[in-house]
PDB file of N, CA and C in Angstrom:
ATOM      1  N   MET A   1      28.164  46.108  27.127  1.00  0.00           N
ATOM      2  CA  MET A   1      28.348  46.418  29.001  1.00  0.00           C
ATOM      3  C   MET A   1      26.887  46.334  29.365  1.00  0.00           C
ATOM      4  N   TYR A   2      26.780  45.506  30.282  1.00  0.00           N
ATOM      5  CA  TYR A   2      25.529  45.175  31.257  1.00  0.00           C
ATOM      6  C   TYR A   2      25.472  45.462  32.823  1.00  0.00           C
ATOM      7  N   ALA A   3      24.250  45.843  33.066  1.00  0.00           N
ATOM      8  CA  ALA A   3      24.232  46.469  34.400  1.00  0.00           C
ATOM      9  C   ALA A   3      23.316  45.562  35.315  1.00  0.00           C
ATOM     10  N   ALA A   4      23.861  45.231  36.440  1.00  0.00           N
ATOM     11  CA  ALA A   4      22.925  44.053  37.121  1.00  0.00           C
ATOM     12  C   ALA A   4      22.684  45.623  38.307  1.00  0.00           C
ATOM     13  N   ILE A   5      21.232  45.562  38.549  1.00  0.00           N
ATOM     14  CA  ILE A   5      21.009  46.596  39.495  1.00  0.00           C
ATOM     15  C   ILE A   5      20.043  45.938  40.619  1.00  0.00           C
ATOM     16  N   ARG A   6      20.373  46.269  41.440  1.00  0.00           N
ATOM     17  CA  ARG A   6      19.602  45.791  43.046  1.00  0.00           C
ATOM     18  C   ARG A   6      18.886  47.122  43.639  1.00  0.00           C
ATOM     19  N   GLN A   7      17.592  47.174  44.318  1.00  0.00           N
ATOM     20  CA  GLN A   7      16.911  48.046  44.956  1.00  0.00           C
ATOM     21  C   GLN A   7      16.273  47.584  46.351  1.00  0.00           C
ATOM     22  N   GLY A   8      16.253  48.470  47.295  1.00  0.00           N
ATOM     23  CA  GLY A   8      15.698  47.968  48.556  1.00  0.00           C
ATOM     24  C   GLY A   8      15.241  49.131  48.922  1.00  0.00           C
ATOM     25  N   LYS A   9      14.479  49.421  50.298  1.00  0.00           N
ATOM     26  CA  LYS A   9      14.250  50.124  51.033  1.00  0.00           C
ATOM     27  C   LYS A   9      14.640  50.231  52.527  1.00  0.00           C
ATOM     28  N   ALA A  10      15.547  51.260  52.831  1.00  0.00           N
ATOM     29  CA  ALA A  10      16.326  51.145  54.068  1.00  0.00           C
ATOM     30  C   ALA A  10      15.698  51.705  55.282  1.00  0.00           C
ATOM     31  N   LYS A  11      15.431  50.989  56.520  1.00  0.00           N
ATOM     32  CA  LYS A  11      15.119  51.569  57.330  1.00  0.00           C
ATOM     33  C   LYS A  11      15.619  53.064  58.073  1.00  0.00           C
ATOM     34  N   THR A  12      14.684  54.001  58.208  1.00  0.00           N
ATOM     35  CA  THR A  12      15.500  55.469  58.358  1.00  0.00           C
ATOM     36  C   THR A  12      16.762  55.224  59.272  1.00  0.00           C
ATOM     37  N   GLY A  13      17.825  56.115  58.981  1.00  0.00           N
ATOM     38  CA  GLY A  13      18.848  56.363  60.012  1.00  0.00           C
ATOM     39  C   GLY A  13      20.069  55.319  59.735  1.00  0.00           C
ATOM     40  N   MET A  14      19.675  54.456  58.531  1.00  0.00           N
ATOM     41  CA  MET A  14      20.794  53.222  58.716  1.00  0.00           C
ATOM     42  C   MET A  14      21.631  53.688  57.502  1.00  0.00           C
ATOM     43  N   ALA A  15      21.953  54.609  56.892  1.00  0.00           N
ATOM     44  CA  ALA A  15      22.830  54.798  56.130  1.00  0.00           C
ATOM     45  C   ALA A  15      24.203  54.427  56.518  1.00  0.00           C
ATOM     46  N   GLU A  16      24.554  55.029  57.386  1.00  0.00           N
ATOM     47  CA  GLU A  16      26.161  54.668  57.811  1.00  0.00           C
ATOM     48  C   GLU A  16      26.457  52.896  57.813  1.00  0.00           C
ATOM     49  N   GLU A  17      25.372  52.504  58.547  1.00  0.00           N
ATOM     50  CA  GLU A  17      25.915  50.895  58.911  1.00  0.00           C
ATOM     51  C   GLU A  17      25.672  50.402  57.626  1.00  0.00           C
ATOM     52  N   LEU A  18      24.569  50.805  56.727  1.00  0.00           N
ATOM     53  CA  LEU A  18      24.330  50.194  55.157  1.00  0.00           C
ATOM     54  C   LEU A  18      25.768  50.414  54.569  1.00  0.00           C
ATOM     55  N   THR A  19      26.613  51.375  54.567  1.00  0.00           N
ATOM     56  CA  THR A  19      27.663  51.451  53.620  1.00  0.00           C
ATOM     57  C   THR A  19      28.555  50.779  54.521  1.00  0.00           C
ATOM     58  N   ARG A  20      28.907  50.694  55.926  1.00  0.00           N
ATOM     59  CA  ARG A  20      29.944  49.717  56.442  1.00  0.00           C
ATOM     60  C   ARG A  20      29.851  48.293  55.923  1.00  0.00           C
ATOM     61  N   ARG A  21      28.241  47.964  56.024  1.00  0.00           N
ATOM     62  CA  ARG A  21      28.247  46.416  55.531  1.00  0.00           C
ATOM     63  C   ARG A  21      28.382  46.256  54.226  1.00  0.00           C
ATOM     64  N   ILE A  22      28.140  47.248  53.409  1.00  0.00           N
ATOM     65  CA  ILE A  22      28.063  47.151  52.066  1.00  0.00           C
ATOM     66  C   ILE A  22      29.814  47.040  51.396  1.00  0.00           C
ATOM     67  N   LYS A  23      30.275  48.224  51.857  1.00  0.00           N
ATOM     68  CA  LYS A  23      31.811  47.684  51.653  1.00  0.00           C
ATOM     69  C   LYS A  23      32.588  46.932  52.110  1.00  0.00           C
ATOM     70  N   GLU A  24      32.309  46.099  53.344  1.00  0.00           N
ATOM     71  CA  GLU A  24      32.936  44.919  53.771  1.00  0.00           C
ATOM     72  C   GLU A  24      32.300  43.838  53.182  1.00  0.00           C
ATOM     73  N   GLY A  25      30.694  43.650  52.951  1.00  0.00           N
ATOM     74  CA  GLY A  25      30.373  42.224  52.298  1.00  0.00           C
ATOM     75  C   GLY A  25      30.256  42.522  50.714  1.00  0.00           C
ATOM     76  N   ALA A  26      29.469  43.112  50.171  1.00  0.00           N
ATOM     77  CA  ALA A  26      28.939  43.214  49.175  1.00  0.00           C
ATOM     78  C   ALA A  26      29.807  43.570  47.999  1.00  0.00           C
ATOM     79  N   ILE A  27      30.950  44.628  47.986  1.00  0.00           N
ATOM     80  CA  ILE A  27      31.648  45.035  47.459  1.00  0.00           C
ATOM     81  C   ILE A  27      33.018  43.707  47.133  1.00  0.00           C
ATOM     82  N   PRO A  28      33.261  42.896  47.857  1.00  0.00           N
ATOM     83  CA  PRO A  28      33.924  41.606  47.595  1.00  0.00           C
ATOM     84  C   PRO A  28      33.303  40.452  46.669  1.00  0.00           C
ATOM     85  N   ILE A  29      31.814  40.316  47.124  1.00  0.00           N
ATOM     86  CA  ILE A  29      31.107  39.440  46.489  1.00  0.00           C
ATOM     87  C   ILE A  29      30.897  39.784  45.132  1.00  0.00           C
ATOM     88  N   ILE A  30      30.759  41.019  44.888  1.00  0.00           N
ATOM     89  CA  ILE A  30      30.320  41.738  43.288  1.00  0.00           C
ATOM     90  C   ILE A  30      31.581  41.671  42.612  1.00  0.00           C
ATOM     91  N   SER A  31      32.619  42.180  42.989  1.00  0.00           N
ATOM     92  CA  SER A  31      33.980  42.707  42.211  1.00  0.00           C
ATOM     93  C   SER A  31      34.466  41.280  41.934  1.00  0.00           C
ATOM     94  N   ASP A  32      34.298  40.106  42.599  1.00  0.00           N
ATOM     95  CA  ASP A  32      34.737  38.810  42.439  1.00  0.00           C
ATOM     96  C   ASP A  32      34.080  37.917  40.948  1.00  0.00           C
ATOM     97  N   VAL A  33      32.889  38.386  40.641  1.00  0.00           N
ATOM     98  CA  VAL A  33      32.333  37.936  39.292  1.00  0.00           C
ATOM     99  C   VAL A  33      32.878  38.128  37.984  1.00  0.00           C
ATOM    100  N   GLU A  34      33.511  37.162  37.225  1.00  0.00           N
ATOM    101  CA  GLU A  34      34.237  37.537  36.127  1.00  0.00           C
ATOM    102  C   GLU A  34      33.529  38.488  35.173  1.00  0.00           C
ATOM    103  N   GLY A  35      34.218  39.432  34.819  1.00  0.00           N
ATOM    104  CA  GLY A  35      33.558  40.322  33.715  1.00  0.00           C
ATOM    105  C   GLY A  35      33.171  41.790  34.535  1.00  0.00           C
ATOM    106  N   PHE A  36      33.813  41.985  35.582  1.00  0.00           N
ATOM    107  CA  PHE A  36      33.132  42.940  36.469  1.00  0.00           C
ATOM    108  C   PHE A  36      33.561  44.355  35.920  1.00  0.00           C
ATOM    109  N   MET A  37      32.844  45.173  35.843  1.00  0.00           N
ATOM    110  CA  MET A  37      33.980  46.470  35.494  1.00  0.00           C
ATOM    111  C   MET A  37      33.214  47.667  36.316  1.00  0.00           C
ATOM    112  N   GLY A  38      32.507  47.851  37.159  1.00  0.00           N
ATOM    113  CA  GLY A  38      32.339  48.922  38.256  1.00  0.00           C
ATOM    114  C   GLY A  38      31.109  48.838  39.279  1.00  0.00           C
ATOM    115  N   TYR A  39      30.990  49.610  40.378  1.00  0.00           N
ATOM    116  CA  TYR A  39      30.120  49.420  41.515  1.00  0.00           C
ATOM    117  C   TYR A  39      29.908  50.771  41.915  1.00  0.00           C
ATOM    118  N   TYR A  40      28.307  51.128  42.033  1.00  0.00           N
ATOM    119  CA  TYR A  40      28.016  52.031  42.448  1.00  0.00           C
ATOM    120  C   TYR A  40      26.896  51.954  43.404  1.00  0.00           C
ATOM    121  N   VAL A  41      26.565  52.899  44.641  1.00  0.00           N
ATOM    122  CA  VAL A  41      25.461  52.580  45.465  1.00  0.00           C
ATOM    123  C   VAL A  41      24.966  53.864  45.588  1.00  0.00           C
ATOM    124  N   VAL A  42      23.461  54.186  45.487  1.00  0.00           N
ATOM    125  CA  VAL A  42      23.063  55.357  45.627  1.00  0.00           C
ATOM    126  C   VAL A  42      21.978  55.273  46.894  1.00  0.00           C
ATOM    127  N   TYR A  43      22.023  56.490  47.407  1.00  0.00           N
ATOM    128  CA  TYR A  43      21.124  56.835  48.698  1.00  0.00           C
ATOM    129  C   TYR A  43      20.472  57.652  48.825  1.00  0.00           C
ATOM    130  N   ALA A  44      19.136  57.715  48.356  1.00  0.00           N
ATOM    131  CA  ALA A  44      18.465  58.616  47.882  1.00  0.00           C
ATOM    132  C   ALA A  44      17.649  59.306  49.516  1.00  0.00           C
ATOM    133  N   PRO A  45      17.030  60.234  49.266  1.00  0.00           N
ATOM    134  CA  PRO A  45      16.725  60.722  50.462  1.00  0.00           C
ATOM    135  C   PRO A  45      15.397  60.335  51.057  1.00  0.00           C
ATOM    136  N   ASP A  46      14.829  59.519  50.350  1.00  0.00           N
ATOM    137  CA  ASP A  46      13.117  58.835  50.716  1.00  0.00           C
ATOM    138  C   ASP A  46      13.747  57.422  51.229  1.00  0.00           C
ATOM    139  N   ASP A  47      15.284  57.024  51.722  1.00  0.00           N
ATOM    140  CA  ASP A  47      16.047  55.896  51.964  1.00  0.00           C
ATOM    141  C   ASP A  47      16.044  54.729  51.022  1.00  0.00           C
ATOM    142  N   THR A  48      15.854  55.083  49.620  1.00  0.00           N
ATOM    143  CA  THR A  48      15.874  53.974  48.700  1.00  0.00           C
ATOM    144  C   THR A  48      17.438  53.825  48.398  1.00  0.00           C
ATOM    145  N   VAL A  49      17.631  52.471  48.266  1.00  0.00           N
ATOM    146  CA  VAL A  49      19.208  52.206  48.221  1.00  0.00           C
ATOM    147  C   VAL A  49      19.358  51.489  46.871  1.00  0.00           C
ATOM    148  N   THR A  50      19.732  51.781  45.809  1.00  0.00           N
ATOM    149  CA  THR A  50      19.971  51.415  44.696  1.00  0.00           C
ATOM    150  C   THR A  50      21.581  50.834  44.298  1.00  0.00           C
ATOM    151  N   ALA A  51      21.810  49.695  44.252  1.00  0.00           N
ATOM    152  CA  ALA A  51      23.306  49.524  43.848  1.00  0.00           C
ATOM    153  C   ALA A  51      23.173  49.197  42.305  1.00  0.00           C
ATOM    154  N   ILE A  52      24.408  49.334  41.561  1.00  0.00           N
ATOM    155  CA  ILE A  52      24.537  49.386  40.278  1.00  0.00           C
ATOM    156  C   ILE A  52      25.692  48.563  39.848  1.00  0.00           C
ATOM    157  N   SER A  53      25.998  47.767  39.477  1.00  0.00           N
ATOM    158  CA  SER A  53      27.347  46.995  38.922  1.00  0.00           C
ATOM    159  C   SER A  53      27.309  46.965  37.634  1.00  0.00           C
ATOM    160  N   LEU A  54      28.623  46.853  37.224  1.00  0.00           N
ATOM    161  CA  LEU A  54      28.599  46.992  35.381  1.00  0.00           C
ATOM    162  C   LEU A  54      29.481  45.694  35.111  1.00  0.00           C
ATOM    163  N   PHE A  55      28.988  45.214  33.858  1.00  0.00           N
ATOM    164  CA  PHE A  55      29.598  44.042  33.345  1.00  0.00           C
ATOM    165  C   PHE A  55      29.743  44.138  31.956  1.00  0.00           C
ATOM    166  N   ASN A  56      30.973  43.204  31.600  1.00  0.00           N
ATOM    167  CA  ASN A  56      30.858  42.992  30.209  1.00  0.00           C
ATOM    168  C   ASN A  56      30.314  41.694  29.549  1.00  0.00           C
ATOM    169  N   ASN A  57      29.239  41.062  30.151  1.00  0.00           N
ATOM    170  CA  ASN A  57      28.706  40.164  29.552  1.00  0.00           C
ATOM    171  C   ASN A  57      27.144  40.063  30.622  1.00  0.00           C
ATOM    172  N   PHE A  58      26.337  39.398  29.840  1.00  0.00           N
ATOM    173  CA  PHE A  58      24.712  39.390  30.633  1.00  0.00           C
ATOM    174  C   PHE A  58      24.843  38.252  31.513  1.00  0.00           C
ATOM    175  N   ALA A  59      25.581  37.351  31.481  1.00  0.00           N
ATOM    176  CA  ALA A  59      25.608  35.738  32.342  1.00  0.00           C
ATOM    177  C   ALA A  59      26.524  36.634  33.546  1.00  0.00           C
ATOM    178  N   SER A  60      27.375  37.526  33.810  1.00  0.00           N
ATOM    179  CA  SER A  60      28.206  37.877  34.917  1.00  0.00           C
ATOM    180  C   SER A  60      26.809  38.771  35.407  1.00  0.00           C
ATOM    181  N   ALA A  61      26.324  39.650  34.928  1.00  0.00           N
ATOM    182  CA  ALA A  61      25.142  40.395  35.603  1.00  0.00           C
ATOM    183  C   ALA A  61      24.039  39.760  36.289  1.00  0.00           C
ATOM    184  N   GLU A  62      23.846  38.460  35.581  1.00  0.00           N
ATOM    185  CA  GLU A  62      22.658  37.556  36.282  1.00  0.00           C
ATOM    186  C   GLU A  62      23.514  37.097  37.571  1.00  0.00           C
ATOM    187  N   GLU A  63      24.725  36.520  37.541  1.00  0.00           N
ATOM    188  CA  GLU A  63      25.456  35.823  38.240  1.00  0.00           C
ATOM    189  C   GLU A  63      25.878  37.044  39.786  1.00  0.00           C
ATOM    190  N   ALA A  64      25.827  38.126  39.457  1.00  0.00           N
ATOM    191  CA  ALA A  64      26.160  39.030  40.375  1.00  0.00           C
ATOM    192  C   ALA A  64      24.920  39.417  41.371  1.00  0.00           C
ATOM    193  N   ASN A  65      23.915  39.298  40.672  1.00  0.00           N
ATOM    194  CA  ASN A  65      22.430  39.627  41.213  1.00  0.00           C
ATOM    195  C   ASN A  65      22.370  38.448  42.258  1.00  0.00           C
ATOM    196  N   ARG A  66      22.326  37.015  41.597  1.00  0.00           N
ATOM    197  CA  ARG A  66      22.180  35.742  42.356  1.00  0.00           C
ATOM    198  C   ARG A  66      22.852  35.857  43.760  1.00  0.00           C
ATOM    199  N   ARG A  67      24.403  36.521  43.569  1.00  0.00           N
ATOM    200  CA  ARG A  67      24.951  36.460  44.439  1.00  0.00           C
ATOM    201  C   ARG A  67      24.980  37.685  45.609  1.00  0.00           C
ATOM    202  N   ALA A  68      24.305  38.766  45.141  1.00  0.00           N
ATOM    203  CA  ALA A  68      24.119  39.882  45.961  1.00  0.00           C
ATOM    204  C   ALA A  68      22.691  39.738  46.555  1.00  0.00           C
ATOM    205  N   ILE A  69      21.494  39.410  46.030  1.00  0.00           N
ATOM    206  CA  ILE A  69      20.433  38.936  46.577  1.00  0.00           C
ATOM    207  C   ILE A  69      20.736  38.002  47.943  1.00  0.00           C
ATOM    208  N   ALA A  70      21.309  37.042  47.199  1.00  0.00           N
ATOM    209  CA  ALA A  70      21.565  35.815  48.715  1.00  0.00           C
ATOM    210  C   ALA A  70      22.420  36.587  50.031  1.00  0.00           C
ATOM    211  N   TRP A  71      23.356  37.331  49.533  1.00  0.00           N
ATOM    212  CA  TRP A  71      24.085  38.266  50.641  1.00  0.00           C
ATOM    213  C   TRP A  71      23.048  39.284  51.419  1.00  0.00           C
ATOM    214  N   ILE A  72      22.319  39.868  50.474  1.00  0.00           N
ATOM    215  CA  ILE A  72      21.188  40.896  51.158  1.00  0.00           C
ATOM    216  C   ILE A  72      20.363  40.217  52.118  1.00  0.00           C
ATOM    217  N   GLU A  73      19.747  38.867  51.617  1.00  0.00           N
ATOM    218  CA  GLU A  73      18.894  38.319  52.358  1.00  0.00           C
ATOM    219  C   GLU A  73      19.334  37.719  53.911  1.00  0.00           C
ATOM    220  N   LYS A  74      20.991  37.512  53.765  1.00  0.00           N
ATOM    221  CA  LYS A  74      21.208  36.859  55.263  1.00  0.00           C
ATOM    222  C   LYS A  74      21.834  37.989  55.730  1.00  0.00           C
ATOM    223  N   ASP A  75      22.604  39.035  55.269  1.00  0.00           N
ATOM    224  CA  ASP A  75      23.213  40.197  56.048  1.00  0.00           C
ATOM    225  C   ASP A  75      22.642  41.801  56.297  1.00  0.00           C
ATOM    226  N   LEU A  76      21.965  41.987  54.905  1.00  0.00           N
ATOM    227  CA  LEU A  76      21.446  43.138  55.106  1.00  0.00           C
ATOM    228  C   LEU A  76      19.980  43.335  55.684  1.00  0.00           C
ATOM    229  N   ALA A  77      19.314  42.286  55.333  1.00  0.00           N
ATOM    230  CA  ALA A  77      17.820  42.361  55.810  1.00  0.00           C
ATOM    231  C   ALA A  77      17.264  43.173  57.021  1.00  0.00           C
ATOM    232  N   PRO A  78      17.897  42.944  57.811  1.00  0.00           N
ATOM    233  CA  PRO A  78      17.575  43.623  59.198  1.00  0.00           C
ATOM    234  C   PRO A  78      17.693  45.162  59.122  1.00  0.00           C
ATOM    235  N   LEU A  79      18.253  45.376  58.152  1.00  0.00           N
ATOM    236  CA  LEU A  79      18.472  46.967  57.904  1.00  0.00           C
ATOM    237  C   LEU A  79      17.265  47.289  56.795  1.00  0.00           C
ATOM    238  N   LEU A  80      16.479  46.389  56.164  1.00  0.00           N
ATOM    239  CA  LEU A  80      15.710  47.056  55.238  1.00  0.00           C
ATOM    240  C   LEU A  80      14.365  46.903  55.616  1.00  0.00           C
ATOM    241  N   THR A  81      13.516  47.604  54.995  1.00  0.00           N
ATOM    242  CA  THR A  81      12.009  47.485  55.393  1.00  0.00           C
ATOM    243  C   THR A  81      11.107  46.297  54.617  1.00  0.00           C
ATOM    244  N   GLY A  82      11.789  45.812  53.771  1.00  0.00           N
ATOM    245  CA  GLY A  82      11.141  44.568  52.950  1.00  0.00           C
ATOM    246  C   GLY A  82      12.286  44.034  52.076  1.00  0.00           C
ATOM    247  N   PRO A  83      12.111  43.025  51.273  1.00  0.00           N
ATOM    248  CA  PRO A  83      12.733  42.433  50.257  1.00  0.00           C
ATOM    249  C   PRO A  83      13.407  43.376  49.264  1.00  0.00           C
ATOM    250  N   ALA A  84      14.490  43.146  49.180  1.00  0.00           N
ATOM    251  CA  ALA A  84      15.092  43.814  47.710  1.00  0.00           C
ATOM    252  C   ALA A  84      14.783  43.238  46.116  1.00  0.00           C
ATOM    253  N   THR A  85      14.793  44.059  45.670  1.00  0.00           N
ATOM    254  CA  THR A  85      14.731  43.679  43.753  1.00  0.00           C
ATOM    255  C   THR A  85      16.023  43.453  43.394  1.00  0.00           C
ATOM    256  N   ALA A  86      15.538  42.826  42.271  1.00  0.00           N
ATOM    257  CA  ALA A  86      16.811  42.801  41.363  1.00  0.00           C
ATOM    258  C   ALA A  86      16.659  42.363  40.263  1.00  0.00           C
ATOM    259  N   MET A  87      17.640  43.047  38.900  1.00  0.00           N
ATOM    260  CA  MET A  87      17.009  42.955  37.450  1.00  0.00           C
ATOM    261  C   MET A  87      18.254  43.469  36.814  1.00  0.00           C
ATOM    262  N   ALA A  88      18.539  42.766  35.562  1.00  0.00           N
ATOM    263  CA  ALA A  88      19.836  42.779  34.831  1.00  0.00           C
ATOM    264  C   ALA A  88      19.312  43.076  33.104  1.00  0.00           C
ATOM    265  N   GLY A  89      20.270  43.703  32.597  1.00  0.00           N
ATOM    266  CA  GLY A  89      20.175  43.963  31.464  1.00  0.00           C
ATOM    267  C   GLY A  89      21.254  44.923  30.563  1.00  0.00           C
ATOM    268  N   PRO A  90      20.933  45.108  28.985  1.00  0.00           N
ATOM    269  CA  PRO A  90      22.269  45.681  28.710  1.00  0.00           C
ATOM    270  C   PRO A  90      21.877  46.751  28.823  1.00  0.00           C
ATOM    271  N   VAL A  91      23.186  47.668  28.743  1.00  0.00           N
ATOM    272  CA  VAL A  91      23.273  49.538  28.924  1.00  0.00           C
ATOM    273  C   VAL A  91      23.108  49.882  27.609  1.00  0.00           C
ATOM    274  N   ILE A  92      21.879  50.678  27.297  1.00  0.00           N
ATOM    275  CA  ILE A  92      21.781  50.889  26.136  1.00  0.00           C
ATOM    276  C   ILE A  92      22.480  52.363  26.013  1.00  0.00           C
ATOM    277  N   VAL A  93      22.633  53.205  27.070  1.00  0.00           N
ATOM    278  CA  VAL A  93      23.156  54.541  26.527  1.00  0.00           C
ATOM    279  C   VAL A  93      23.947  54.918  27.646  1.00  0.00           C
ATOM    280  N   HIS A  94      25.041  55.117  27.531  1.00  0.00           N
ATOM    281  CA  HIS A  94      26.088  55.666  28.637  1.00  0.00           C
ATOM    282  C   HIS A  94      27.187  56.756  28.224  1.00  0.00           C
ATOM    283  N   THR A  95      27.626  57.424  28.948  1.00  0.00           N
ATOM    284  CA  THR A  95      28.594  58.573  28.252  1.00  0.00           C
ATOM    285  C   THR A  95      29.442  58.481  29.570  1.00  0.00           C
ATOM    286  N   LEU A  96      30.766  59.016  29.329  1.00  0.00           N
ATOM    287  CA  LEU A  96      31.703  59.434  30.378  1.00  0.00           C
ATOM    288  C   LEU A  96      32.609  60.677  30.164  1.00  0.00           C
ATOM    289  N   ALA A  97      32.551  61.417  31.371  1.00  0.00           N
ATOM    290  CA  ALA A  97      32.988  62.963  31.050  1.00  0.00           C
ATOM    291  C   ALA A  97      34.182  62.972  30.292  1.00  0.00           C
TER     292      ALA A  97
END
């Protein structure tokens, strides 16, 4: 299993609009990548937004980040304080309930 992780800092008070845009824009883009397994977004109290996508291969995780960063730069940038970052790699520990 491989994770693709994007992170950015939102402008204060943008959680609701970010949620709407991510549901309408990012989810279709990310879930269309071959090998897609799951998608999670965490909104921290300091307005840091972290998106985590899971895939069954590294190439798919990298492709998801490529697509996501392009979408963020086009559609999400006005809601962020600066550029988003991205990384991908193998999940070395995981567990489920």
